[in-house]
Amino acid sequence: MGHVLIENRHGLVIEATTTCATGTAEREAAVVMVEAIPGQHRITVGGDKAYDTAEFVAAMRGLGATPHVTQNDKARRSAIDGRTTRHPGYQVSQRVRKRIEEVFGWMKTIGGQRKTRYRGTPRVGWMFTLSAAAYDLIRLPKLLGGAA
């Protein structure tokens, strides 16, 4: 599985990694990628309903990150409570988090990641990271205002 971490303001990929597919690989990769972010500033982490677990929310809060994940309250209690959802930034994060799909869409159609040509996590991970870097290089001229 390929995982990316983007910053919400400009949609640039700041971290890309691959893992073996398990039921918890997305959440585990997210924790590792957030741990790698330098600095002591407070950050928010957006995600879909799969990230609304007590373990993930506790891990993010332990890292000093505010989890802005979609509440999964169908037939169970959500781990995201009112102290997170009452802030206007939560609604903004819910709208902006869909930008991650643009990254995956580009990587599949243009970046050659729909079907890998390589075997093994290290080689697939290298190509995935290269594709994520190429995405950022394509985005940069548009963000800087130059002709694309």
Protein backbone atom coordinates (compact mmCIF):
# COMPACT_ATOMS: atom_id res chain seq x y z
CA MET A 1 0.00 0.00 0.00
CA GLY A 2 1.16 3.51 -0.75
CA HIS A 3 0.63 6.26 1.80
CA VAL A 4 1.15 10.00 1.42
CA LEU A 5 1.06 12.91 3.83
CA ILE A 6 0.24 16.29 2.31
CA GLU A 7 0.10 19.77 3.71
CA ASN A 8 -3.33 21.28 3.31
CA ARG A 9 -2.47 24.82 2.31
CA HIS A 10 -0.82 24.04 -1.03
CA GLY A 11 -1.46 20.32 -1.52
CA LEU A 12 2.21 19.34 -1.70
CA VAL A 13 3.31 15.87 -0.66
CA ILE A 14 5.62 16.06 2.36
CA GLU A 15 5.98 12.35 3.05
CA ALA A 16 5.43 9.17 1.03
CA THR A 17 5.88 5.58 2.12
CA THR A 18 4.80 2.06 1.27
CA THR A 19 3.82 -0.77 3.58
CA CYS A 20 2.46 -4.28 3.33
CA ALA A 21 -1.33 -4.33 3.23
CA THR A 22 -2.90 -5.12 6.60
CA GLY A 23 -6.07 -3.96 8.26
CA THR A 24 -4.22 -1.29 10.22
CA ALA A 25 -1.44 -0.30 7.78
CA GLU A 26 -2.92 3.11 6.96
CA ARG A 27 -3.18 4.18 10.59
CA GLU A 28 0.25 2.79 11.49
CA ALA A 29 1.87 4.56 8.52
CA ALA A 30 0.14 7.82 9.46
CA VAL A 31 1.54 7.67 12.99
CA VAL A 32 5.08 7.06 11.68
CA MET A 33 4.81 9.88 9.13
CA VAL A 34 3.46 12.37 11.69
CA GLU A 35 6.24 11.41 14.13
CA ALA A 36 8.79 12.34 11.45
CA ILE A 37 7.51 15.94 11.14
CA PRO A 38 10.18 18.23 12.64
CA GLY A 39 9.43 21.03 15.06
CA GLN A 40 7.31 21.57 18.13
CA HIS A 41 4.39 23.40 16.50
CA ARG A 42 0.84 22.12 16.76
CA ILE A 43 -0.49 20.41 13.62
CA THR A 44 -3.78 18.92 12.51
CA VAL A 45 -4.12 15.55 10.82
CA GLY A 46 -7.09 14.90 8.54
CA GLY A 47 -8.41 11.49 7.59
CA ASP A 48 -11.44 9.49 6.63
CA LYS A 49 -13.66 7.29 8.80
CA ALA A 50 -11.09 4.47 8.91
CA TYR A 51 -8.92 6.66 11.16
CA ASP A 52 -11.65 7.20 13.77
CA THR A 53 -10.35 4.71 16.33
CA ALA A 54 -9.48 5.33 19.95
CA GLU A 55 -5.89 4.13 19.43
CA PHE A 56 -5.21 6.42 16.46
CA VAL A 57 -6.80 9.47 18.09
CA ALA A 58 -4.81 8.86 21.29
CA ALA A 59 -1.58 8.41 19.30
CA MET A 60 -2.13 11.69 17.45
CA ARG A 61 -2.89 13.59 20.62
CA GLY A 62 0.21 12.04 22.21
CA LEU A 63 2.28 13.41 19.32
CA GLY A 64 0.82 16.90 19.79
CA ALA A 65 -1.35 16.65 16.67
CA THR A 66 -5.06 17.37 16.58
CA PRO A 67 -6.90 14.56 14.75
CA HIS A 68 -9.39 16.03 12.26
CA VAL A 69 -10.78 12.71 11.09
CA THR A 70 -14.33 12.10 9.91
CA GLN A 71 -16.56 10.84 12.68
CA ASN A 72 -17.58 7.21 12.29
CA ASP A 73 -20.64 7.06 14.50
CA LYS A 74 -22.59 4.40 12.61
CA ALA A 75 -23.47 1.70 15.17
CA ARG A 76 -20.69 2.83 17.52
CA ARG A 77 -19.31 5.78 19.44
CA SER A 78 -16.85 8.05 17.65
CA ALA A 79 -13.41 8.67 19.15
CA ILE A 80 -13.65 12.29 17.94
CA ASP A 81 -15.53 14.37 20.46
CA GLY A 82 -16.91 17.87 20.70
CA ARG A 83 -13.62 19.49 21.69
CA THR A 84 -12.39 18.80 18.16
CA THR A 85 -15.55 19.20 16.06
CA ARG A 86 -16.67 22.53 17.57
CA HIS A 87 -13.79 24.48 16.02
CA PRO A 88 -14.19 26.03 12.56
CA GLY A 89 -10.86 24.49 11.54
CA TYR A 90 -12.41 21.02 11.73
CA GLN A 91 -14.91 21.84 8.98
CA VAL A 92 -12.13 23.38 6.86
CA SER A 93 -10.04 20.22 7.29
CA GLN A 94 -12.96 18.06 6.23
CA ARG A 95 -13.28 20.01 2.97
CA VAL A 96 -9.57 20.17 2.24
CA ARG A 97 -8.75 16.53 3.04
CA LYS A 98 -10.22 15.50 -0.31
CA ARG A 99 -7.12 16.98 -1.97
CA ILE A 100 -5.30 13.77 -1.17
CA GLU A 101 -7.37 12.08 -3.86
CA GLU A 102 -5.89 14.46 -6.45
CA VAL A 103 -2.43 13.16 -5.53
CA PHE A 104 -3.44 9.53 -5.88
CA GLY A 105 -5.32 10.23 -9.11
CA TRP A 106 -2.27 11.92 -10.64
CA MET A 107 0.04 9.16 -9.43
CA LYS A 108 -2.16 6.49 -11.01
CA THR A 109 -2.83 8.17 -14.35
CA ILE A 110 0.37 10.11 -15.02
CA GLY A 111 2.88 8.73 -12.50
CA GLY A 112 2.55 5.10 -13.56
CA GLN A 113 1.37 3.79 -10.20
CA ARG A 114 -1.85 2.10 -11.34
CA LYS A 115 0.04 -1.17 -11.78
CA THR A 116 3.56 -1.46 -10.49
CA ARG A 117 6.35 -2.79 -12.67
CA TYR A 118 8.45 -3.89 -9.73
CA ARG A 119 8.37 -6.53 -7.02
CA GLY A 120 9.24 -6.07 -3.39
CA THR A 121 8.44 -3.30 -0.97
CA PRO A 122 11.79 -1.45 -1.36
CA ARG A 123 11.55 -1.14 -5.16
CA VAL A 124 7.84 -0.35 -5.19
CA GLY A 125 8.44 2.19 -2.41
CA TRP A 126 11.23 3.84 -4.37
CA MET A 127 9.01 4.26 -7.43
CA PHE A 128 6.11 5.47 -5.29
CA THR A 129 8.31 8.10 -3.65
CA LEU A 130 9.71 9.15 -7.03
CA SER A 131 6.18 9.55 -8.37
CA ALA A 132 5.21 11.67 -5.33
CA ALA A 133 8.27 13.89 -5.89
CA ALA A 134 7.33 14.28 -9.56
CA TYR A 135 3.82 15.34 -8.50
CA ASP A 136 5.31 18.10 -6.33
CA LEU A 137 7.58 19.24 -9.16
CA ILE A 138 4.57 19.51 -11.48
CA ARG A 139 2.62 21.48 -8.83
CA LEU A 140 5.38 23.97 -7.96
CA PRO A 141 5.22 26.15 -11.12
CA LYS A 142 1.46 26.45 -10.72
CA LEU A 143 1.86 27.53 -7.10
CA LEU A 144 4.59 30.02 -7.95
CA GLY A 145 2.44 31.60 -10.64
CA GLY A 146 4.61 30.66 -13.60
CA ALA A 147 3.34 29.21 -16.85
CA ALA A 148 2.67 25.51 -16.50
